[in-house]
Amino acid sequence: MGMGITMGVVEIDNRGRITIPKEERERLGLTPGKKVLIREKDGSLIIKRFISPERFISELKGCITIEDHEIDPLKLKEMWGAKF
């Protein structure tokens, strides 16, 4: 599939488990013991790599710099909206 979107069909076992294809696990760095985030959106199941709050915060360091003026909360909201 194009644009970074891959698709596959997997079977749910009798305990409700699925197996993520090896190629996808390797591509996403999903190794045994890693956690994933699962959520439902519009009738679809979305599985994402889980990033701990500590790691998320550490990766944000340096993204926002404070100059000699206050940050406007609405401008900050716009910046975050554009990023996500």
PDB file of N, CA and C in Angstrom:
ATOM      1  N   MET A   1       0.843  -1.174   0.000  1.00  0.00           N
ATOM      2  CA  MET A   1       0.000   0.000   0.000  1.00  0.00           C
ATOM      3  C   MET A   1       0.890   1.239   0.000  1.00  0.00           C
ATOM      4  N   GLY A   2       0.394   2.360  -0.456  1.00  0.00           N
ATOM      5  CA  GLY A   2       1.178   3.574  -0.538  1.00  0.00           C
ATOM      6  C   GLY A   2       0.997   4.466   0.674  1.00  0.00           C
ATOM      7  N   MET A   3       1.732   5.548   0.683  1.00  0.00           N
ATOM      8  CA  MET A   3       1.610   6.599   1.689  1.00  0.00           C
ATOM      9  C   MET A   3       1.830   6.121   3.116  1.00  0.00           C
ATOM     10  N   GLY A   4       2.662   5.087   3.319  1.00  0.00           N
ATOM     11  CA  GLY A   4       2.949   4.640   4.671  1.00  0.00           C
ATOM     12  C   GLY A   4       1.820   3.869   5.316  1.00  0.00           C
ATOM     13  N   ILE A   5       0.822   3.507   4.539  1.00  0.00           N
ATOM     14  CA  ILE A   5      -0.316   2.770   5.082  1.00  0.00           C
ATOM     15  C   ILE A   5      -0.186   1.319   4.646  1.00  0.00           C
ATOM     16  N   THR A   6      -0.195   0.428   5.621  1.00  0.00           N
ATOM     17  CA  THR A   6      -0.164  -0.991   5.299  1.00  0.00           C
ATOM     18  C   THR A   6      -1.418  -1.632   5.858  1.00  0.00           C
ATOM     19  N   MET A   7      -1.773  -2.751   5.279  1.00  0.00           N
ATOM     20  CA  MET A   7      -2.995  -3.416   5.699  1.00  0.00           C
ATOM     21  C   MET A   7      -2.775  -4.921   5.624  1.00  0.00           C
ATOM     22  N   GLY A   8      -3.373  -5.625   6.513  1.00  0.00           N
ATOM     23  CA  GLY A   8      -3.310  -7.068   6.497  1.00  0.00           C
ATOM     24  C   GLY A   8      -4.526  -7.631   7.199  1.00  0.00           C
ATOM     25  N   VAL A   9      -4.793  -8.884   6.959  1.00  0.00           N
ATOM     26  CA  VAL A   9      -5.914  -9.555   7.609  1.00  0.00           C
ATOM     27  C   VAL A   9      -5.328 -10.547   8.599  1.00  0.00           C
ATOM     28  N   VAL A  10      -5.758 -10.455   9.843  1.00  0.00           N
ATOM     29  CA  VAL A  10      -5.315 -11.388  10.872  1.00  0.00           C
ATOM     30  C   VAL A  10      -6.543 -12.015  11.508  1.00  0.00           C
ATOM     31  N   GLU A  11      -6.338 -13.142  12.135  1.00  0.00           N
ATOM     32  CA  GLU A  11      -7.448 -13.868  12.760  1.00  0.00           C
ATOM     33  C   GLU A  11      -7.393 -13.696  14.276  1.00  0.00           C
ATOM     34  N   ILE A  12      -8.547 -13.545  14.875  1.00  0.00           N
ATOM     35  CA  ILE A  12      -8.650 -13.452  16.333  1.00  0.00           C
ATOM     36  C   ILE A  12      -8.739 -14.873  16.876  1.00  0.00           C
ATOM     37  N   ASP A  13      -7.878 -15.207  17.844  1.00  0.00           N
ATOM     38  CA  ASP A  13      -7.931 -16.563  18.393  1.00  0.00           C
ATOM     39  C   ASP A  13      -9.019 -16.666  19.462  1.00  0.00           C
ATOM     40  N   ASN A  14      -9.167 -17.853  20.036  1.00  0.00           N
ATOM     41  CA  ASN A  14     -10.264 -18.090  20.989  1.00  0.00           C
ATOM     42  C   ASN A  14     -10.103 -17.329  22.303  1.00  0.00           C
ATOM     43  N   ARG A  15      -8.946 -16.702  22.521  1.00  0.00           N
ATOM     44  CA  ARG A  15      -8.741 -15.878  23.719  1.00  0.00           C
ATOM     45  C   ARG A  15      -8.809 -14.387  23.392  1.00  0.00           C
ATOM     46  N   GLY A  16      -9.197 -14.052  22.152  1.00  0.00           N
ATOM     47  CA  GLY A  16      -9.333 -12.657  21.751  1.00  0.00           C
ATOM     48  C   GLY A  16      -8.039 -12.008  21.305  1.00  0.00           C
ATOM     49  N   ARG A  17      -7.009 -12.796  21.051  1.00  0.00           N
ATOM     50  CA  ARG A  17      -5.703 -12.253  20.669  1.00  0.00           C
ATOM     51  C   ARG A  17      -5.545 -12.226  19.152  1.00  0.00           C
ATOM     52  N   ILE A  18      -4.721 -11.284  18.704  1.00  0.00           N
ATOM     53  CA  ILE A  18      -4.331 -11.246  17.303  1.00  0.00           C
ATOM     54  C   ILE A  18      -2.810 -11.249  17.248  1.00  0.00           C
ATOM     55  N   THR A  19      -2.268 -11.646  16.117  1.00  0.00           N
ATOM     56  CA  THR A  19      -0.826 -11.600  15.916  1.00  0.00           C
ATOM     57  C   THR A  19      -0.524 -10.500  14.917  1.00  0.00           C
ATOM     58  N   ILE A  20       0.312  -9.559  15.322  1.00  0.00           N
ATOM     59  CA  ILE A  20       0.740  -8.493  14.421  1.00  0.00           C
ATOM     60  C   ILE A  20       1.804  -9.097  13.510  1.00  0.00           C
ATOM     61  N   PRO A  21       1.645  -8.954  12.191  1.00  0.00           N
ATOM     62  CA  PRO A  21       2.622  -9.554  11.273  1.00  0.00           C
ATOM     63  C   PRO A  21       4.054  -9.124  11.594  1.00  0.00           C
ATOM     64  N   LYS A  22       4.991 -10.065  11.403  1.00  0.00           N
ATOM     65  CA  LYS A  22       6.397  -9.851  11.735  1.00  0.00           C
ATOM     66  C   LYS A  22       6.966  -8.592  11.085  1.00  0.00           C
ATOM     67  N   GLU A  23       6.635  -8.376   9.806  1.00  0.00           N
ATOM     68  CA  GLU A  23       7.168  -7.211   9.091  1.00  0.00           C
ATOM     69  C   GLU A  23       6.743  -5.914   9.775  1.00  0.00           C
ATOM     70  N   GLU A  24       5.499  -5.859  10.232  1.00  0.00           N
ATOM     71  CA  GLU A  24       4.997  -4.656  10.898  1.00  0.00           C
ATOM     72  C   GLU A  24       5.641  -4.483  12.270  1.00  0.00           C
ATOM     73  N   ARG A  25       5.789  -5.589  13.012  1.00  0.00           N
ATOM     74  CA  ARG A  25       6.448  -5.506  14.321  1.00  0.00           C
ATOM     75  C   ARG A  25       7.868  -4.985  14.169  1.00  0.00           C
ATOM     76  N   GLU A  26       8.588  -5.494  13.177  1.00  0.00           N
ATOM     77  CA  GLU A  26       9.967  -5.057  12.962  1.00  0.00           C
ATOM     78  C   GLU A  26      10.016  -3.595  12.532  1.00  0.00           C
ATOM     79  N   ARG A  27       9.143  -3.210  11.622  1.00  0.00           N
ATOM     80  CA  ARG A  27       9.133  -1.838  11.112  1.00  0.00           C
ATOM     81  C   ARG A  27       8.843  -0.834  12.218  1.00  0.00           C
ATOM     82  N   LEU A  28       7.960  -1.212  13.158  1.00  0.00           N
ATOM     83  CA  LEU A  28       7.566  -0.313  14.238  1.00  0.00           C
ATOM     84  C   LEU A  28       8.379  -0.506  15.516  1.00  0.00           C
ATOM     85  N   GLY A  29       9.296  -1.466  15.505  1.00  0.00           N
ATOM     86  CA  GLY A  29      10.116  -1.704  16.692  1.00  0.00           C
ATOM     87  C   GLY A  29       9.336  -2.318  17.841  1.00  0.00           C
ATOM     88  N   LEU A  30       8.330  -3.113  17.519  1.00  0.00           N
ATOM     89  CA  LEU A  30       7.511  -3.760  18.550  1.00  0.00           C
ATOM     90  C   LEU A  30       8.127  -5.108  18.893  1.00  0.00           C
ATOM     91  N   THR A  31       8.781  -5.158  20.035  1.00  0.00           N
ATOM     92  CA  THR A  31       9.426  -6.382  20.484  1.00  0.00           C
ATOM     93  C   THR A  31       8.657  -6.932  21.681  1.00  0.00           C
ATOM     94  N   PRO A  32       8.861  -8.220  22.011  1.00  0.00           N
ATOM     95  CA  PRO A  32       8.142  -8.793  23.148  1.00  0.00           C
ATOM     96  C   PRO A  32       8.304  -7.942  24.403  1.00  0.00           C
ATOM     97  N   GLY A  33       7.201  -7.706  25.086  1.00  0.00           N
ATOM     98  CA  GLY A  33       7.206  -6.910  26.305  1.00  0.00           C
ATOM     99  C   GLY A  33       6.883  -5.443  26.086  1.00  0.00           C
ATOM    100  N   LYS A  34       6.971  -4.965  24.835  1.00  0.00           N
ATOM    101  CA  LYS A  34       6.625  -3.565  24.548  1.00  0.00           C
ATOM    102  C   LYS A  34       5.116  -3.405  24.669  1.00  0.00           C
ATOM    103  N   LYS A  35       4.695  -2.199  25.016  1.00  0.00           N
ATOM    104  CA  LYS A  35       3.270  -1.923  25.159  1.00  0.00           C
ATOM    105  C   LYS A  35       2.757  -1.177  23.937  1.00  0.00           C
ATOM    106  N   VAL A  36       1.483  -1.406  23.631  1.00  0.00           N
ATOM    107  CA  VAL A  36       0.815  -0.676  22.561  1.00  0.00           C
ATOM    108  C   VAL A  36      -0.448  -0.053  23.122  1.00  0.00           C
ATOM    109  N   LEU A  37      -0.886   0.993  22.478  1.00  0.00           N
ATOM    110  CA  LEU A  37      -2.114   1.684  22.857  1.00  0.00           C
ATOM    111  C   LEU A  37      -3.192   1.248  21.874  1.00  0.00           C
ATOM    112  N   ILE A  38      -4.326   0.800  22.383  1.00  0.00           N
ATOM    113  CA  ILE A  38      -5.425   0.357  21.529  1.00  0.00           C
ATOM    114  C   ILE A  38      -6.633   1.225  21.816  1.00  0.00           C
ATOM    115  N   ARG A  39      -7.222   1.758  20.751  1.00  0.00           N
ATOM    116  CA  ARG A  39      -8.442   2.545  20.932  1.00  0.00           C
ATOM    117  C   ARG A  39      -9.368   2.323  19.750  1.00  0.00           C
ATOM    118  N   GLU A  40     -10.634   2.625  19.975  1.00  0.00           N
ATOM    119  CA  GLU A  40     -11.649   2.506  18.937  1.00  0.00           C
ATOM    120  C   GLU A  40     -11.964   3.896  18.428  1.00  0.00           C
ATOM    121  N   LYS A  41     -12.070   4.022  17.120  1.00  0.00           N
ATOM    122  CA  LYS A  41     -12.454   5.298  16.517  1.00  0.00           C
ATOM    123  C   LYS A  41     -13.313   5.013  15.293  1.00  0.00           C
ATOM    124  N   ASP A  42     -14.527   5.522  15.340  1.00  0.00           N
ATOM    125  CA  ASP A  42     -15.450   5.390  14.206  1.00  0.00           C
ATOM    126  C   ASP A  42     -15.584   3.947  13.723  1.00  0.00           C
ATOM    127  N   GLY A  43     -15.679   3.011  14.642  1.00  0.00           N
ATOM    128  CA  GLY A  43     -15.870   1.610  14.284  1.00  0.00           C
ATOM    129  C   GLY A  43     -14.604   0.876  13.876  1.00  0.00           C
ATOM    130  N   SER A  44     -13.452   1.534  13.979  1.00  0.00           N
ATOM    131  CA  SER A  44     -12.177   0.896  13.644  1.00  0.00           C
ATOM    132  C   SER A  44     -11.334   0.763  14.904  1.00  0.00           C
ATOM    133  N   LEU A  45     -10.497  -0.246  14.928  1.00  0.00           N
ATOM    134  CA  LEU A  45      -9.582  -0.458  16.038  1.00  0.00           C
ATOM    135  C   LEU A  45      -8.224   0.093  15.625  1.00  0.00           C
ATOM    136  N   ILE A  46      -7.673   0.992  16.428  1.00  0.00           N
ATOM    137  CA  ILE A  46      -6.394   1.622  16.117  1.00  0.00           C
ATOM    138  C   ILE A  46      -5.371   1.148  17.139  1.00  0.00           C
ATOM    139  N   ILE A  47      -4.253   0.646  16.649  1.00  0.00           N
ATOM    140  CA  ILE A  47      -3.167   0.175  17.510  1.00  0.00           C
ATOM    141  C   ILE A  47      -1.965   1.067  17.247  1.00  0.00           C
ATOM    142  N   LYS A  48      -1.434   1.683  18.314  1.00  0.00           N
ATOM    143  CA  LYS A  48      -0.276   2.572  18.188  1.00  0.00           C
ATOM    144  C   LYS A  48       0.787   2.161  19.190  1.00  0.00           C
ATOM    145  N   ARG A  49       2.043   2.486  18.856  1.00  0.00           N
ATOM    146  CA  ARG A  49       3.105   2.271  19.835  1.00  0.00           C
ATOM    147  C   ARG A  49       2.793   3.125  21.053  1.00  0.00           C
ATOM    148  N   PHE A  50       2.998   2.567  22.228  1.00  0.00           N
ATOM    149  CA  PHE A  50       2.780   3.312  23.465  1.00  0.00           C
ATOM    150  C   PHE A  50       4.056   4.055  23.811  1.00  0.00           C
ATOM    151  N   ILE A  51       3.918   5.328  24.099  1.00  0.00           N
ATOM    152  CA  ILE A  51       5.051   6.132  24.555  1.00  0.00           C
ATOM    153  C   ILE A  51       4.715   6.598  25.965  1.00  0.00           C
ATOM    154  N   SER A  52       5.582   6.282  26.907  1.00  0.00           N
ATOM    155  CA  SER A  52       5.333   6.666  28.296  1.00  0.00           C
ATOM    156  C   SER A  52       5.298   8.182  28.415  1.00  0.00           C
ATOM    157  N   PRO A  53       4.554   8.696  29.394  1.00  0.00           N
ATOM    158  CA  PRO A  53       4.519  10.151  29.588  1.00  0.00           C
ATOM    159  C   PRO A  53       5.915  10.742  29.790  1.00  0.00           C
ATOM    160  N   GLU A  54       6.785  10.029  30.485  1.00  0.00           N
ATOM    161  CA  GLU A  54       8.146  10.516  30.725  1.00  0.00           C
ATOM    162  C   GLU A  54       8.917  10.654  29.407  1.00  0.00           C
ATOM    163  N   ARG A  55       8.811   9.644  28.554  1.00  0.00           N
ATOM    164  CA  ARG A  55       9.511   9.706  27.262  1.00  0.00           C
ATOM    165  C   ARG A  55       8.913  10.802  26.382  1.00  0.00           C
ATOM    166  N   PHE A  56       7.597  10.916  26.382  1.00  0.00           N
ATOM    167  CA  PHE A  56       6.922  11.947  25.592  1.00  0.00           C
ATOM    168  C   PHE A  56       7.429  13.332  25.987  1.00  0.00           C
ATOM    169  N   ILE A  57       7.489  13.575  27.298  1.00  0.00           N
ATOM    170  CA  ILE A  57       7.947  14.874  27.792  1.00  0.00           C
ATOM    171  C   ILE A  57       9.410  15.103  27.428  1.00  0.00           C
ATOM    172  N   SER A  58      10.244  14.075  27.576  1.00  0.00           N
ATOM    173  CA  SER A  58      11.664  14.253  27.255  1.00  0.00           C
ATOM    174  C   SER A  58      11.868  14.528  25.769  1.00  0.00           C
ATOM    175  N   GLU A  59      11.014  13.953  24.907  1.00  0.00           N
ATOM    176  CA  GLU A  59      11.132  14.200  23.472  1.00  0.00           C
ATOM    177  C   GLU A  59      10.638  15.591  23.089  1.00  0.00           C
ATOM    178  N   LEU A  60       9.832  16.207  23.949  1.00  0.00           N
ATOM    179  CA  LEU A  60       9.343  17.557  23.677  1.00  0.00           C
ATOM    180  C   LEU A  60      10.355  18.637  24.042  1.00  0.00           C
ATOM    181  N   LYS A  61      11.337  18.280  24.859  1.00  0.00           N
ATOM    182  CA  LYS A  61      12.317  19.279  25.293  1.00  0.00           C
ATOM    183  C   LYS A  61      12.961  19.936  24.082  1.00  0.00           C
ATOM    184  N   GLY A  62      12.974  21.257  24.102  1.00  0.00           N
ATOM    185  CA  GLY A  62      13.555  22.010  23.006  1.00  0.00           C
ATOM    186  C   GLY A  62      12.563  22.399  21.924  1.00  0.00           C
ATOM    187  N   CYS A  63      11.372  21.820  21.949  1.00  0.00           N
ATOM    188  CA  CYS A  63      10.355  22.165  20.947  1.00  0.00           C
ATOM    189  C   CYS A  63       9.797  23.559  21.180  1.00  0.00           C
ATOM    190  N   ILE A  64       9.677  23.940  22.431  1.00  0.00           N
ATOM    191  CA  ILE A  64       9.132  25.251  22.769  1.00  0.00           C
ATOM    192  C   ILE A  64      10.214  26.016  23.521  1.00  0.00           C
ATOM    193  N   THR A  65      10.531  27.176  23.008  1.00  0.00           N
ATOM    194  CA  THR A  65      11.499  28.021  23.697  1.00  0.00           C
ATOM    195  C   THR A  65      10.788  29.283  24.157  1.00  0.00           C
ATOM    196  N   ILE A  66      11.191  29.762  25.295  1.00  0.00           N
ATOM    197  CA  ILE A  66      10.565  30.960  25.852  1.00  0.00           C
ATOM    198  C   ILE A  66      11.530  32.122  25.683  1.00  0.00           C
ATOM    199  N   GLU A  67      11.044  33.150  25.020  1.00  0.00           N
ATOM    200  CA  GLU A  67      11.849  34.351  24.855  1.00  0.00           C
ATOM    201  C   GLU A  67      11.467  35.309  25.972  1.00  0.00           C
ATOM    202  N   ASP A  68      11.766  36.562  25.817  1.00  0.00           N
ATOM    203  CA  ASP A  68      11.503  37.541  26.864  1.00  0.00           C
ATOM    204  C   ASP A  68      10.059  38.030  26.883  1.00  0.00           C
ATOM    205  N   HIS A  69       9.121  37.232  26.452  1.00  0.00           N
ATOM    206  CA  HIS A  69       7.717  37.623  26.496  1.00  0.00           C
ATOM    207  C   HIS A  69       6.862  36.415  26.860  1.00  0.00           C
ATOM    208  N   GLU A  70       5.667  36.690  27.293  1.00  0.00           N
ATOM    209  CA  GLU A  70       4.766  35.610  27.687  1.00  0.00           C
ATOM    210  C   GLU A  70       4.217  34.909  26.454  1.00  0.00           C
ATOM    211  N   ILE A  71       3.921  33.635  26.612  1.00  0.00           N
ATOM    212  CA  ILE A  71       3.332  32.863  25.525  1.00  0.00           C
ATOM    213  C   ILE A  71       1.824  33.026  25.580  1.00  0.00           C
ATOM    214  N   ASP A  72       1.239  33.404  24.460  1.00  0.00           N
ATOM    215  CA  ASP A  72      -0.207  33.547  24.352  1.00  0.00           C
ATOM    216  C   ASP A  72      -0.824  32.148  24.296  1.00  0.00           C
ATOM    217  N   PRO A  73      -1.708  31.787  25.239  1.00  0.00           N
ATOM    218  CA  PRO A  73      -2.301  30.451  25.249  1.00  0.00           C
ATOM    219  C   PRO A  73      -3.002  30.089  23.939  1.00  0.00           C
ATOM    220  N   LEU A  74      -3.649  31.042  23.287  1.00  0.00           N
ATOM    221  CA  LEU A  74      -4.324  30.751  22.022  1.00  0.00           C
ATOM    222  C   LEU A  74      -3.314  30.451  20.918  1.00  0.00           C
ATOM    223  N   LYS A  75      -2.195  31.172  20.917  1.00  0.00           N
ATOM    224  CA  LYS A  75      -1.149  30.909  19.926  1.00  0.00           C
ATOM    225  C   LYS A  75      -0.539  29.529  20.161  1.00  0.00           C
ATOM    226  N   LEU A  76      -0.336  29.184  21.421  1.00  0.00           N
ATOM    227  CA  LEU A  76       0.187  27.865  21.760  1.00  0.00           C
ATOM    228  C   LEU A  76      -0.774  26.781  21.293  1.00  0.00           C
ATOM    229  N   LYS A  77      -2.072  27.004  21.491  1.00  0.00           N
ATOM    230  CA  LYS A  77      -3.083  26.036  21.048  1.00  0.00           C
ATOM    231  C   LYS A  77      -3.024  25.872  19.528  1.00  0.00           C
ATOM    232  N   GLU A  78      -2.850  26.971  18.797  1.00  0.00           N
ATOM    233  CA  GLU A  78      -2.727  26.905  17.338  1.00  0.00           C
ATOM    234  C   GLU A  78      -1.491  26.108  16.932  1.00  0.00           C
ATOM    235  N   MET A  79      -0.379  26.335  17.637  1.00  0.00           N
ATOM    236  CA  MET A  79       0.856  25.622  17.323  1.00  0.00           C
ATOM    237  C   MET A  79       0.671  24.123  17.521  1.00  0.00           C
ATOM    238  N   TRP A  80       0.043  23.726  18.615  1.00  0.00           N
ATOM    239  CA  TRP A  80      -0.192  22.311  18.888  1.00  0.00           C
ATOM    240  C   TRP A  80      -1.159  21.725  17.877  1.00  0.00           C
ATOM    241  N   GLY A  81      -2.188  22.488  17.508  1.00  0.00           N
ATOM    242  CA  GLY A  81      -3.155  22.005  16.531  1.00  0.00           C
ATOM    243  C   GLY A  81      -2.512  21.725  15.190  1.00  0.00           C
ATOM    244  N   ALA A  82      -1.572  22.556  14.786  1.00  0.00           N
ATOM    245  CA  ALA A  82      -0.880  22.363  13.514  1.00  0.00           C
ATOM    246  C   ALA A  82       0.036  21.148  13.570  1.00  0.00           C
ATOM    247  N   LYS A  83       0.604  20.882  14.731  1.00  0.00           N
ATOM    248  CA  LYS A  83       1.530  19.761  14.894  1.00  0.00           C
ATOM    249  C   LYS A  83       0.791  18.425  14.898  1.00  0.00           C
ATOM    250  N   PHE A  84      -0.394  18.402  15.515  1.00  0.00           N
ATOM    251  CA  PHE A  84      -1.139  17.156  15.643  1.00  0.00           C
ATOM    252  C   PHE A  84      -2.424  17.288  14.892  1.00  0.00           C
TER     253      PHE A  84
END
